[in-house]
Amino acid sequence: MAIIATILVYFTVLMIFSRLTSRRANNETFFRADRRSPWYMVAFGMVGASISGITFVSVPGMVMRGDMTYIQTCLGFIVGYIAIACFLLPVYYRLNLTTIYSYLRERLGMSSYRTGAWFFIVSKMTGAAVRFYVVCIILQRFVLDALGVPFVLTVVVMVGLIWLYTRNGGIKTLVWTDTFQTTSMFMALLLIIYTVVGRLDMDVWEAVRAVAGDSRSRIFVFDDWGSTQNFWKQFVSGAFIAIVMTGLDQDMMQKNLTCKTLAEARKDVCTYGFAFVPANLLFLSLGVLLIRLAQQEGVALPSKGDELLPMFAATGALGLTVVVLFALGVVAASFSSADSALTALTTSFCVDICGRPGDERLRRRVHVGMAMVFVAFILVFRALNSTSVIDAIYVLCGYTYGPLLGLFAYGLFTRRGVLDAAVPWIALASPVACLAIDTLTSRCLGYKFGYELLMLNGMITFTGLYVSGVVAARRGKVAH
């Protein structure tokens, strides 16, 4: 009951924020928060919005297989966020965009615009639903099953609550609720670390020295070029991941576009870009401490890293307080990403697909519809009940960001037009070509692509667009 009471109090606070921020709200408020958000609040809230419930659970367990090498990717994020601030934000602010895919209409044409928007909608709905499904499963397995709560009710209630506190204020509400949710998540994380340190009979500084001296605290890998953990692979991939999954993602950029000026938006993006390094160091340090605790108490480590934190935090091994904190942290992390996904999907569908940004009645209907589709997707994943299928969906979602990278790169770094009608086919063919290349290189050369597959995907799309631009120019349909 303590867990249910904590979550109810948590949602009560979210509803208070919603009520305060949605007075006299209209579509401009829902989509852009009237462009009045304080940049420092957006920056702080974006840290939590970028850390999903899966991240909260999974990152501590990464040390079991890859030590702390994930920090190499986080360092790459910094470069990526600087690139967003220097190249993408000026374009978005100059054109005064509500959705970032409107840029493709101005630069390349209507088919390119709709292609970018549909790729975002399909991949975001699928990816966000899978992530939220995994979080629902974690909470169901470790918390709600014991209380007799059926899974369907868990999903309907959780998605319904997200819809309820975002239905009026939209992105304006999220700027404030994200701040609260990020605070809740890190409070839970720090208190769990404090509890684990106490169980290890250490003080804070002893714990810091223990983590620093542990063999799993290795961060950099420069000597093994074949490893997916090689520094340059992870660093460069991290930069591109930040550019594509933040700078080219309406979900991530919508809150950044609510800042008052371009200068404030740049400060916002660069600030939370740097914040990922210390934030993920905390998660990884918790993983090291949990492994040491398992060794001290003679507990066998789980076979999967994702189960390391739940094994201690959700089973009562560290006491009821930690169970409550774990539930709070997972809910805060998952809701701060799921609520923004639902709002961004509503925005993109109304603006990009329907072309009716001022229709409030349509926006309300679409918001309800997106919530219902979200629930349906989660229940379908539950019915599939196959880890391999879910993993395949994750991979497919990763493939869909490559065409967006190619589209925006072509628009920003060339002056050519395109054969606009061919763009959807190029965007669909690129992930298929990447899958074929990855399969062939794995079988013939023993090389398995990692994060760098995103760059290959973008390059194939860029090449296809360039060829179409040459064809279009020769036909005299577009000017250089």
Protein backbone atom coordinates (compact mmCIF):
# COMPACT_ATOMS: atom_id res chain seq x y z
CA MET A 1 0.00 0.00 0.00
CA ALA A 2 2.94 2.33 0.59
CA ILE A 3 3.84 2.09 -3.10
CA ILE A 4 0.28 2.82 -4.26
CA ALA A 5 0.04 5.75 -1.84
CA THR A 6 3.37 7.18 -3.07
CA ILE A 7 2.33 6.92 -6.73
CA LEU A 8 -1.06 8.52 -5.97
CA VAL A 9 0.63 11.44 -4.21
CA TYR A 10 3.01 11.72 -7.14
CA PHE A 11 0.16 11.96 -9.65
CA THR A 12 -1.69 14.42 -7.45
CA VAL A 13 1.30 16.75 -7.70
CA LEU A 14 1.37 16.28 -11.49
CA MET A 15 -2.33 17.20 -11.68
CA ILE A 16 -1.70 20.33 -9.62
CA PHE A 17 1.00 21.38 -12.10
CA SER A 18 -1.40 20.61 -14.94
CA ARG A 19 -4.16 22.72 -13.42
CA LEU A 20 -1.85 25.68 -12.83
CA THR A 21 -0.28 25.64 -16.29
CA SER A 22 -3.37 24.99 -18.41
CA ARG A 23 -5.45 28.01 -17.58
CA ARG A 24 -6.60 29.78 -20.77
CA ALA A 25 -4.62 27.23 -22.77
CA ASN A 26 -5.04 27.00 -26.55
CA ASN A 27 -3.20 25.24 -29.36
CA GLU A 28 -0.32 27.71 -29.18
CA THR A 29 0.03 26.81 -25.50
CA PHE A 30 -0.27 23.07 -26.18
CA PHE A 31 2.20 23.05 -29.08
CA ARG A 32 4.73 25.75 -28.12
CA ALA A 33 3.99 26.88 -24.52
CA ASP A 34 3.56 30.40 -25.95
CA ARG A 35 7.36 30.49 -26.36
CA ARG A 36 7.83 31.67 -22.77
CA SER A 37 9.58 28.77 -21.01
CA PRO A 38 12.59 29.57 -18.78
CA TRP A 39 15.59 27.91 -20.44
CA TYR A 40 17.04 26.56 -17.17
CA MET A 41 13.81 24.73 -16.35
CA VAL A 42 13.68 23.20 -19.82
CA ALA A 43 17.32 22.11 -19.49
CA PHE A 44 16.80 20.44 -16.12
CA GLY A 45 13.58 18.75 -17.19
CA MET A 46 15.13 17.51 -20.43
CA VAL A 47 17.65 15.42 -18.49
CA GLY A 48 14.79 13.43 -17.00
CA ALA A 49 12.82 13.38 -20.27
CA SER A 50 15.82 11.84 -22.03
CA ILE A 51 16.19 9.12 -19.40
CA SER A 52 13.40 6.59 -19.83
CA GLY A 53 12.30 4.03 -17.28
CA ILE A 54 14.34 1.43 -19.16
CA THR A 55 17.44 3.61 -18.80
CA PHE A 56 16.80 3.91 -15.07
CA VAL A 57 16.76 0.11 -14.83
CA SER A 58 19.33 -0.81 -17.48
CA VAL A 59 22.27 1.58 -17.11
CA PRO A 60 23.41 0.30 -13.68
CA GLY A 61 23.59 -3.20 -15.17
CA MET A 62 25.79 -2.06 -18.07
CA VAL A 63 28.86 -2.40 -15.86
CA MET A 64 28.37 -6.18 -15.84
CA ARG A 65 29.27 -6.42 -19.53
CA GLY A 66 30.93 -3.17 -20.59
CA ASP A 67 32.28 -1.57 -17.42
CA MET A 68 31.73 2.21 -17.56
CA THR A 69 32.50 2.52 -21.26
CA TYR A 70 29.03 3.98 -21.87
CA ILE A 71 30.51 7.28 -20.67
CA GLN A 72 32.40 7.41 -23.99
CA THR A 73 29.03 7.65 -25.74
CA CYS A 74 27.90 10.34 -23.27
CA LEU A 75 30.99 12.39 -24.11
CA GLY A 76 29.97 12.13 -27.74
CA PHE A 77 26.54 13.47 -26.76
CA ILE A 78 28.20 16.76 -25.79
CA VAL A 79 29.55 17.25 -29.31
CA GLY A 80 26.16 16.32 -30.74
CA TYR A 81 24.31 18.84 -28.60
CA ILE A 82 26.77 21.57 -29.52
CA ALA A 83 26.11 20.74 -33.20
CA ILE A 84 22.35 21.01 -32.54
CA ALA A 85 22.85 24.43 -30.94
CA CYS A 86 25.05 25.67 -33.81
CA PHE A 87 23.31 24.23 -36.89
CA LEU A 88 19.75 23.10 -36.19
CA LEU A 89 18.35 25.53 -33.63
CA PRO A 90 19.14 28.64 -35.75
CA VAL A 91 17.17 27.11 -38.64
CA TYR A 92 14.21 26.17 -36.46
CA TYR A 93 14.04 29.60 -34.83
CA ARG A 94 14.57 31.52 -38.09
CA LEU A 95 11.61 29.72 -39.66
CA ASN A 96 9.56 30.00 -36.43
CA LEU A 97 8.61 26.31 -36.64
CA THR A 98 5.99 24.49 -34.60
CA THR A 99 7.23 21.11 -35.81
CA ILE A 100 10.76 20.61 -37.04
CA TYR A 101 9.65 18.59 -40.09
CA SER A 102 8.09 21.74 -41.56
CA TYR A 103 11.66 22.62 -42.53
CA LEU A 104 11.62 19.76 -45.04
CA ARG A 105 8.57 21.27 -46.75
CA GLU A 106 10.32 24.61 -47.11
CA ARG A 107 13.56 23.10 -48.33
CA LEU A 108 12.69 19.95 -50.31
CA GLY A 109 8.95 19.68 -50.92
CA MET A 110 5.68 18.28 -49.62
CA SER A 111 6.51 14.58 -50.12
CA SER A 112 9.80 15.01 -48.23
CA TYR A 113 7.91 16.83 -45.47
CA ARG A 114 5.27 14.13 -45.08
CA THR A 115 7.93 11.40 -45.28
CA GLY A 116 9.87 12.91 -42.38
CA ALA A 117 6.70 13.36 -40.32
CA TRP A 118 5.44 9.81 -40.92
CA PHE A 119 8.82 8.30 -40.12
CA PHE A 120 8.75 10.18 -36.83
CA ILE A 121 5.15 9.23 -35.99
CA VAL A 122 5.55 5.52 -36.71
CA SER A 123 8.93 5.13 -35.05
CA LYS A 124 8.04 7.28 -32.02
CA MET A 125 4.72 5.56 -31.39
CA THR A 126 6.28 2.11 -31.70
CA GLY A 127 9.45 2.91 -29.76
CA ALA A 128 7.71 4.83 -26.97
CA ALA A 129 5.07 2.11 -26.60
CA VAL A 130 7.74 -0.62 -26.38
CA ARG A 131 9.68 1.32 -23.75
CA PHE A 132 6.54 2.01 -21.75
CA TYR A 133 5.48 -1.63 -22.09
CA VAL A 134 8.79 -2.79 -20.62
CA VAL A 135 8.36 -0.38 -17.69
CA CYS A 136 4.79 -1.60 -17.13
CA ILE A 137 6.07 -5.18 -17.09
CA ILE A 138 8.76 -4.29 -14.54
CA LEU A 139 6.26 -2.56 -12.24
CA GLN A 140 3.73 -5.36 -12.73
CA ARG A 141 6.23 -8.10 -11.98
CA PHE A 142 7.96 -6.57 -9.00
CA VAL A 143 5.23 -4.39 -7.48
CA LEU A 144 1.65 -4.68 -8.74
CA ASP A 145 1.25 -8.45 -9.16
CA ALA A 146 1.56 -8.83 -5.40
CA LEU A 147 -1.34 -6.39 -5.03
CA GLY A 148 -3.53 -8.30 -7.48
CA VAL A 149 -3.68 -5.50 -10.08
CA PRO A 150 -4.29 -6.88 -13.61
CA PHE A 151 -1.89 -5.79 -16.36
CA VAL A 152 -4.62 -4.31 -18.57
CA LEU A 153 -5.75 -2.04 -15.73
CA THR A 154 -2.15 -0.99 -15.08
CA VAL A 155 -1.68 0.09 -18.70
CA VAL A 156 -5.05 1.83 -19.07
CA VAL A 157 -4.68 3.75 -15.80
CA MET A 158 -1.07 4.82 -16.42
CA VAL A 159 -1.69 5.99 -19.99
CA GLY A 160 -4.97 7.56 -18.92
CA LEU A 161 -3.22 9.58 -16.24
CA ILE A 162 -0.64 10.81 -18.77
CA TRP A 163 -3.47 11.89 -21.07
CA LEU A 164 -5.26 13.57 -18.18
CA TYR A 165 -2.45 15.87 -17.09
CA THR A 166 -1.31 16.73 -20.64
CA ARG A 167 -4.71 17.15 -22.35
CA ASN A 168 -4.99 20.93 -21.89
CA GLY A 169 -1.60 22.46 -21.21
CA GLY A 170 0.38 20.11 -23.44
CA ILE A 171 3.99 21.14 -23.77
CA LYS A 172 3.61 24.04 -21.31
CA THR A 173 2.54 21.58 -18.62
CA LEU A 174 5.41 19.24 -19.49
CA VAL A 175 8.07 21.90 -19.00
CA TRP A 176 6.99 22.10 -15.34
CA THR A 177 6.12 18.45 -14.72
CA ASP A 178 9.45 17.36 -16.25
CA THR A 179 11.24 19.48 -13.66
CA PHE A 180 9.32 17.76 -10.87
CA GLN A 181 9.80 14.31 -12.42
CA THR A 182 13.55 14.81 -12.92
CA THR A 183 13.83 15.90 -9.29
CA SER A 184 11.88 12.82 -8.16
CA MET A 185 13.99 10.48 -10.29
CA PHE A 186 17.34 11.75 -9.03
CA MET A 187 16.10 11.91 -5.45
CA ALA A 188 15.13 8.24 -5.74
CA LEU A 189 18.48 7.37 -7.35
CA LEU A 190 20.54 9.18 -4.70
CA LEU A 191 18.58 7.66 -1.82
CA ILE A 192 18.99 4.16 -3.28
CA ILE A 193 22.75 4.77 -3.60
CA TYR A 194 22.83 6.02 0.00
CA THR A 195 21.06 2.85 1.18
CA VAL A 196 23.44 0.58 -0.75
CA VAL A 197 26.47 2.45 0.63
CA GLY A 198 25.09 1.93 4.14
CA ARG A 199 24.66 -1.81 3.53
CA LEU A 200 28.30 -1.95 2.45
CA ASP A 201 29.32 -0.31 5.77
CA MET A 202 30.96 2.59 3.95
CA ASP A 203 30.71 6.34 4.16
CA VAL A 204 30.33 8.44 1.02
CA TRP A 205 34.04 8.99 0.41
CA GLU A 206 34.86 5.33 0.96
CA ALA A 207 32.19 4.49 -1.62
CA VAL A 208 33.70 6.96 -4.10
CA ARG A 209 37.15 5.42 -3.65
CA ALA A 210 35.71 1.91 -3.93
CA VAL A 211 34.01 2.73 -7.22
CA ALA A 212 37.09 4.49 -8.61
CA GLY A 213 39.33 1.55 -7.68
CA ASP A 214 37.02 -1.15 -9.01
CA SER A 215 38.05 -2.92 -12.20
CA ARG A 216 34.60 -2.19 -13.64
CA SER A 217 35.22 1.58 -13.48
CA ARG A 218 37.18 1.42 -16.75
CA ILE A 219 35.85 4.10 -19.09
CA PHE A 220 38.14 4.33 -22.12
CA VAL A 221 38.96 1.65 -24.70
CA PHE A 222 41.52 2.80 -27.27
CA ASP A 223 43.38 -0.42 -28.06
CA ASP A 224 40.69 -2.68 -29.57
CA TRP A 225 39.39 -1.42 -32.91
CA GLY A 226 37.21 -4.48 -33.39
CA SER A 227 35.30 -3.90 -30.17
CA THR A 228 31.95 -2.08 -30.17
CA GLN A 229 33.31 -0.38 -27.02
CA ASN A 230 36.18 1.30 -28.85
CA PHE A 231 36.37 4.97 -27.85
CA TRP A 232 36.13 6.47 -31.33
CA LYS A 233 33.22 4.24 -32.31
CA GLN A 234 31.24 5.16 -29.23
CA PHE A 235 32.27 8.83 -29.19
CA VAL A 236 31.38 9.52 -32.83
CA SER A 237 28.24 7.40 -32.57
CA GLY A 238 27.22 9.32 -29.44
CA ALA A 239 27.48 12.60 -31.33
CA PHE A 240 25.27 11.32 -34.14
CA ILE A 241 22.80 9.72 -31.71
CA ALA A 242 22.34 13.10 -30.00
CA ILE A 243 21.90 14.90 -33.33
CA VAL A 244 19.38 12.41 -34.69
CA MET A 245 17.46 11.32 -31.60
CA THR A 246 17.26 14.83 -30.16
CA GLY A 247 17.91 17.38 -32.89
CA LEU A 248 15.79 15.59 -35.52
CA ASP A 249 13.12 14.28 -33.14
CA GLN A 250 10.01 16.40 -32.59
CA ASP A 251 9.51 14.79 -29.19
CA MET A 252 12.88 15.97 -27.92
CA MET A 253 12.97 19.34 -29.71
CA GLN A 254 9.44 20.52 -28.95
CA LYS A 255 10.31 21.64 -25.43
CA ASN A 256 13.56 23.25 -26.61
CA LEU A 257 11.54 25.34 -29.08
CA THR A 258 9.48 26.82 -26.22
CA CYS A 259 12.38 28.98 -25.03
CA LYS A 260 11.93 32.72 -25.55
CA THR A 261 14.92 33.28 -27.83
CA LEU A 262 17.50 31.36 -29.85
CA ALA A 263 20.21 32.34 -27.36
CA GLU A 264 18.24 30.85 -24.47
CA ALA A 265 17.48 27.68 -26.45
CA ARG A 266 21.20 27.26 -27.14
CA LYS A 267 22.02 27.60 -23.44
CA ASP A 268 19.32 25.06 -22.65
CA VAL A 269 20.60 22.44 -25.13
CA CYS A 270 24.28 22.79 -24.23
CA THR A 271 23.56 22.70 -20.48
CA TYR A 272 21.69 19.42 -20.46
CA GLY A 273 24.12 18.00 -23.03
CA PHE A 274 26.92 18.30 -20.48
CA ALA A 275 24.64 17.00 -17.69
CA PHE A 276 24.45 13.49 -19.18
CA VAL A 277 28.01 12.63 -18.12
CA PRO A 278 27.56 13.10 -14.34
CA ALA A 279 23.99 11.72 -14.49
CA ASN A 280 25.09 8.46 -16.11
CA LEU A 281 28.15 8.25 -13.85
CA LEU A 282 25.72 8.06 -10.93
CA PHE A 283 23.77 5.21 -12.55
CA LEU A 284 26.93 3.29 -13.44
CA SER A 285 28.42 3.85 -9.98
CA LEU A 286 25.26 2.36 -8.49
CA GLY A 287 25.85 -0.69 -10.68
CA VAL A 288 29.39 -1.13 -9.33
CA LEU A 289 28.16 -0.78 -5.75
CA LEU A 290 25.36 -3.32 -6.31
CA ILE A 291 27.86 -5.87 -7.67
CA ARG A 292 30.06 -5.34 -4.62
CA LEU A 293 27.00 -5.80 -2.39
CA ALA A 294 26.11 -9.04 -4.18
CA GLN A 295 29.65 -10.33 -3.65
CA GLN A 296 29.60 -9.31 0.02
CA GLU A 297 26.31 -11.09 0.68
CA GLY A 298 27.01 -14.12 -1.51
CA VAL A 299 24.17 -13.38 -3.92
CA ALA A 300 24.50 -14.69 -7.48
CA LEU A 301 24.47 -12.00 -10.13
CA PRO A 302 21.60 -12.15 -12.65
CA SER A 303 22.29 -13.32 -16.19
CA LYS A 304 21.07 -10.03 -17.65
CA GLY A 305 22.30 -6.60 -16.63
CA ASP A 306 18.74 -5.22 -16.80
CA GLU A 307 17.88 -7.36 -13.77
CA LEU A 308 20.68 -6.11 -11.50
CA LEU A 309 18.89 -3.11 -9.98
CA PRO A 310 15.43 -4.78 -9.79
CA MET A 311 17.01 -7.83 -8.10
CA PHE A 312 17.88 -5.64 -5.10
CA ALA A 313 15.56 -2.65 -5.29
CA ALA A 314 12.25 -4.25 -6.27
CA THR A 315 12.34 -7.49 -4.27
CA GLY A 316 12.61 -5.99 -0.81
CA ALA A 317 16.25 -7.04 -0.36
CA LEU A 318 17.09 -3.47 0.62
CA GLY A 319 13.89 -2.81 2.54
CA LEU A 320 10.45 -1.39 1.76
CA THR A 321 11.75 2.16 1.48
CA VAL A 322 13.96 1.22 -1.46
CA VAL A 323 11.07 -0.66 -3.12
CA VAL A 324 9.02 2.54 -2.92
CA LEU A 325 11.94 4.62 -4.21
CA PHE A 326 12.52 2.19 -7.06
CA ALA A 327 8.87 2.39 -8.10
CA LEU A 328 8.97 6.19 -7.85
CA GLY A 329 12.17 6.43 -9.89
CA VAL A 330 10.91 4.13 -12.64
CA VAL A 331 7.55 5.90 -12.84
CA ALA A 332 9.19 9.35 -12.90
CA ALA A 333 11.68 8.34 -15.59
CA SER A 334 9.12 6.57 -17.75
CA PHE A 335 6.41 9.22 -17.47
CA SER A 336 8.76 12.10 -18.28
CA SER A 337 9.51 10.41 -21.62
CA ALA A 338 6.07 8.93 -22.38
CA ASP A 339 4.12 12.14 -21.74
CA SER A 340 6.33 14.16 -24.09
CA ALA A 341 6.05 11.42 -26.74
CA LEU A 342 2.24 11.54 -26.57
CA THR A 343 2.25 15.34 -26.82
CA ALA A 344 4.73 15.37 -29.71
CA LEU A 345 2.76 12.74 -31.62
CA THR A 346 -0.40 14.81 -31.23
CA THR A 347 1.42 17.93 -32.39
CA SER A 348 2.99 16.29 -35.44
CA PHE A 349 -0.25 14.64 -36.56
CA CYS A 350 -2.28 17.85 -36.25
CA VAL A 351 0.32 20.11 -37.86
CA ASP A 352 2.23 17.88 -40.29
CA ILE A 353 -0.35 15.34 -41.42
CA CYS A 354 -3.66 17.20 -41.05
CA GLY A 355 -2.25 20.68 -41.69
CA ARG A 356 -4.60 22.24 -39.11
CA PRO A 357 -2.48 23.73 -36.30
CA GLY A 358 -5.25 26.06 -35.14
CA ASP A 359 -8.05 23.50 -34.79
CA GLU A 360 -8.47 22.90 -31.05
CA ARG A 361 -11.28 20.39 -31.49
CA LEU A 362 -9.10 18.29 -33.79
CA ARG A 363 -6.20 18.49 -31.35
CA ARG A 364 -8.34 17.16 -28.49
CA ARG A 365 -9.59 14.26 -30.61
CA VAL A 366 -6.13 13.39 -31.87
CA HIS A 367 -4.75 13.49 -28.32
CA VAL A 368 -7.38 10.98 -27.19
CA GLY A 369 -6.77 8.85 -30.27
CA MET A 370 -3.02 8.77 -29.74
CA ALA A 371 -3.52 7.68 -26.12
CA MET A 372 -5.81 4.85 -27.28
CA VAL A 373 -3.33 3.71 -29.94
CA PHE A 374 -0.60 3.85 -27.29
CA VAL A 375 -2.62 1.50 -25.06
CA ALA A 376 -3.37 -0.80 -28.00
CA PHE A 377 0.31 -1.06 -28.94
CA ILE A 378 1.30 -1.95 -25.38
CA LEU A 379 -1.37 -4.65 -25.13
CA VAL A 380 -0.27 -6.09 -28.49
CA PHE A 381 3.31 -6.31 -27.21
CA ARG A 382 1.96 -8.07 -24.13
CA ALA A 383 0.10 -10.56 -26.34
CA LEU A 384 3.26 -11.24 -28.37
CA ASN A 385 5.07 -11.99 -25.10
CA SER A 386 8.34 -12.66 -26.95
CA THR A 387 11.65 -11.08 -26.03
CA SER A 388 12.99 -11.70 -29.54
CA VAL A 389 10.03 -9.87 -31.11
CA ILE A 390 10.43 -6.91 -28.78
CA ASP A 391 14.17 -6.77 -29.49
CA ALA A 392 13.42 -6.83 -33.23
CA ILE A 393 11.02 -3.89 -32.81
CA TYR A 394 13.75 -1.96 -30.98
CA VAL A 395 16.14 -2.60 -33.87
CA LEU A 396 13.58 -1.54 -36.47
CA CYS A 397 12.89 1.70 -34.58
CA GLY A 398 16.62 2.40 -34.60
CA TYR A 399 16.68 1.99 -38.39
CA THR A 400 13.98 4.61 -38.91
CA TYR A 401 16.11 7.49 -37.65
CA GLY A 402 18.70 7.08 -40.44
CA PRO A 403 16.44 8.49 -43.19
CA LEU A 404 15.73 11.55 -41.01
CA LEU A 405 19.48 12.09 -40.66
CA GLY A 406 19.93 11.84 -44.42
CA LEU A 407 17.00 14.18 -45.18
CA PHE A 408 18.13 16.95 -42.84
CA ALA A 409 21.81 16.60 -43.76
CA TYR A 410 20.95 16.90 -47.45
CA GLY A 411 18.77 19.92 -46.82
CA LEU A 412 21.32 21.71 -44.65
CA PHE A 413 24.57 20.91 -46.44
CA THR A 414 23.62 21.00 -50.11
CA ARG A 415 21.82 23.52 -52.27
CA ARG A 416 20.27 20.99 -54.61
CA GLY A 417 16.62 20.12 -54.84
CA VAL A 418 15.28 16.58 -55.05
CA LEU A 419 12.87 14.53 -57.08
CA ASP A 420 10.27 15.00 -54.37
CA ALA A 421 8.03 12.10 -55.40
CA ALA A 422 10.94 9.68 -55.08
CA VAL A 423 11.83 10.68 -51.50
CA PRO A 424 9.44 8.26 -49.71
CA TRP A 425 10.89 5.34 -51.69
CA ILE A 426 14.47 6.40 -50.95
CA ALA A 427 13.65 6.69 -47.24
CA LEU A 428 12.08 3.22 -47.21
CA ALA A 429 14.88 1.61 -49.22
CA SER A 430 17.68 2.94 -47.01
CA PRO A 431 16.87 0.88 -43.85
CA VAL A 432 16.38 -2.21 -46.01
CA ALA A 433 19.80 -1.69 -47.59
CA CYS A 434 21.35 -1.19 -44.14
CA LEU A 435 19.81 -4.42 -42.87
CA ALA A 436 21.21 -6.29 -45.89
CA ILE A 437 24.69 -4.79 -45.43
CA ASP A 438 24.69 -5.55 -41.71
CA THR A 439 23.63 -9.16 -42.34
CA LEU A 440 26.25 -9.71 -45.07
CA THR A 441 29.14 -8.18 -43.14
CA SER A 442 28.21 -10.18 -40.06
CA ARG A 443 28.12 -13.48 -41.97
CA CYS A 444 31.03 -12.91 -44.35
CA LEU A 445 33.43 -10.74 -42.35
CA GLY A 446 32.38 -11.38 -38.77
CA TYR A 447 31.87 -7.63 -38.25
CA LYS A 448 28.68 -6.60 -36.47
CA PHE A 449 27.59 -2.98 -36.79
CA GLY A 450 26.81 -1.12 -33.59
CA TYR A 451 25.72 2.48 -33.22
CA GLU A 452 27.60 3.33 -36.43
CA LEU A 453 24.75 1.73 -38.40
CA LEU A 454 22.88 5.01 -37.90
CA MET A 455 25.56 6.89 -39.84
CA LEU A 456 25.55 4.29 -42.64
CA ASN A 457 21.77 4.58 -42.87
CA GLY A 458 21.98 8.36 -43.13
CA MET A 459 24.71 8.15 -45.79
CA ILE A 460 22.65 5.79 -47.95
CA THR A 461 19.64 8.13 -47.71
CA PHE A 462 21.83 11.15 -48.47
CA THR A 463 23.29 9.39 -51.54
CA GLY A 464 19.82 8.46 -52.81
CA LEU A 465 18.62 12.05 -52.37
CA TYR A 466 21.69 13.39 -54.17
CA VAL A 467 21.09 11.07 -57.14
CA SER A 468 17.43 12.12 -57.25
CA GLY A 469 18.54 15.75 -57.16
CA VAL A 470 20.82 15.20 -60.16
CA VAL A 471 17.99 13.51 -62.06
CA ALA A 472 15.57 16.28 -61.18
CA ALA A 473 18.05 18.97 -62.24
CA ARG A 474 18.63 17.29 -65.59
CA ARG A 475 14.90 17.15 -66.16
CA GLY A 476 14.77 20.86 -65.48
CA LYS A 477 12.25 20.45 -62.66
CA VAL A 478 14.36 22.09 -59.99
CA ALA A 479 17.11 24.66 -60.02
CA HIS A 480 20.52 24.18 -58.46
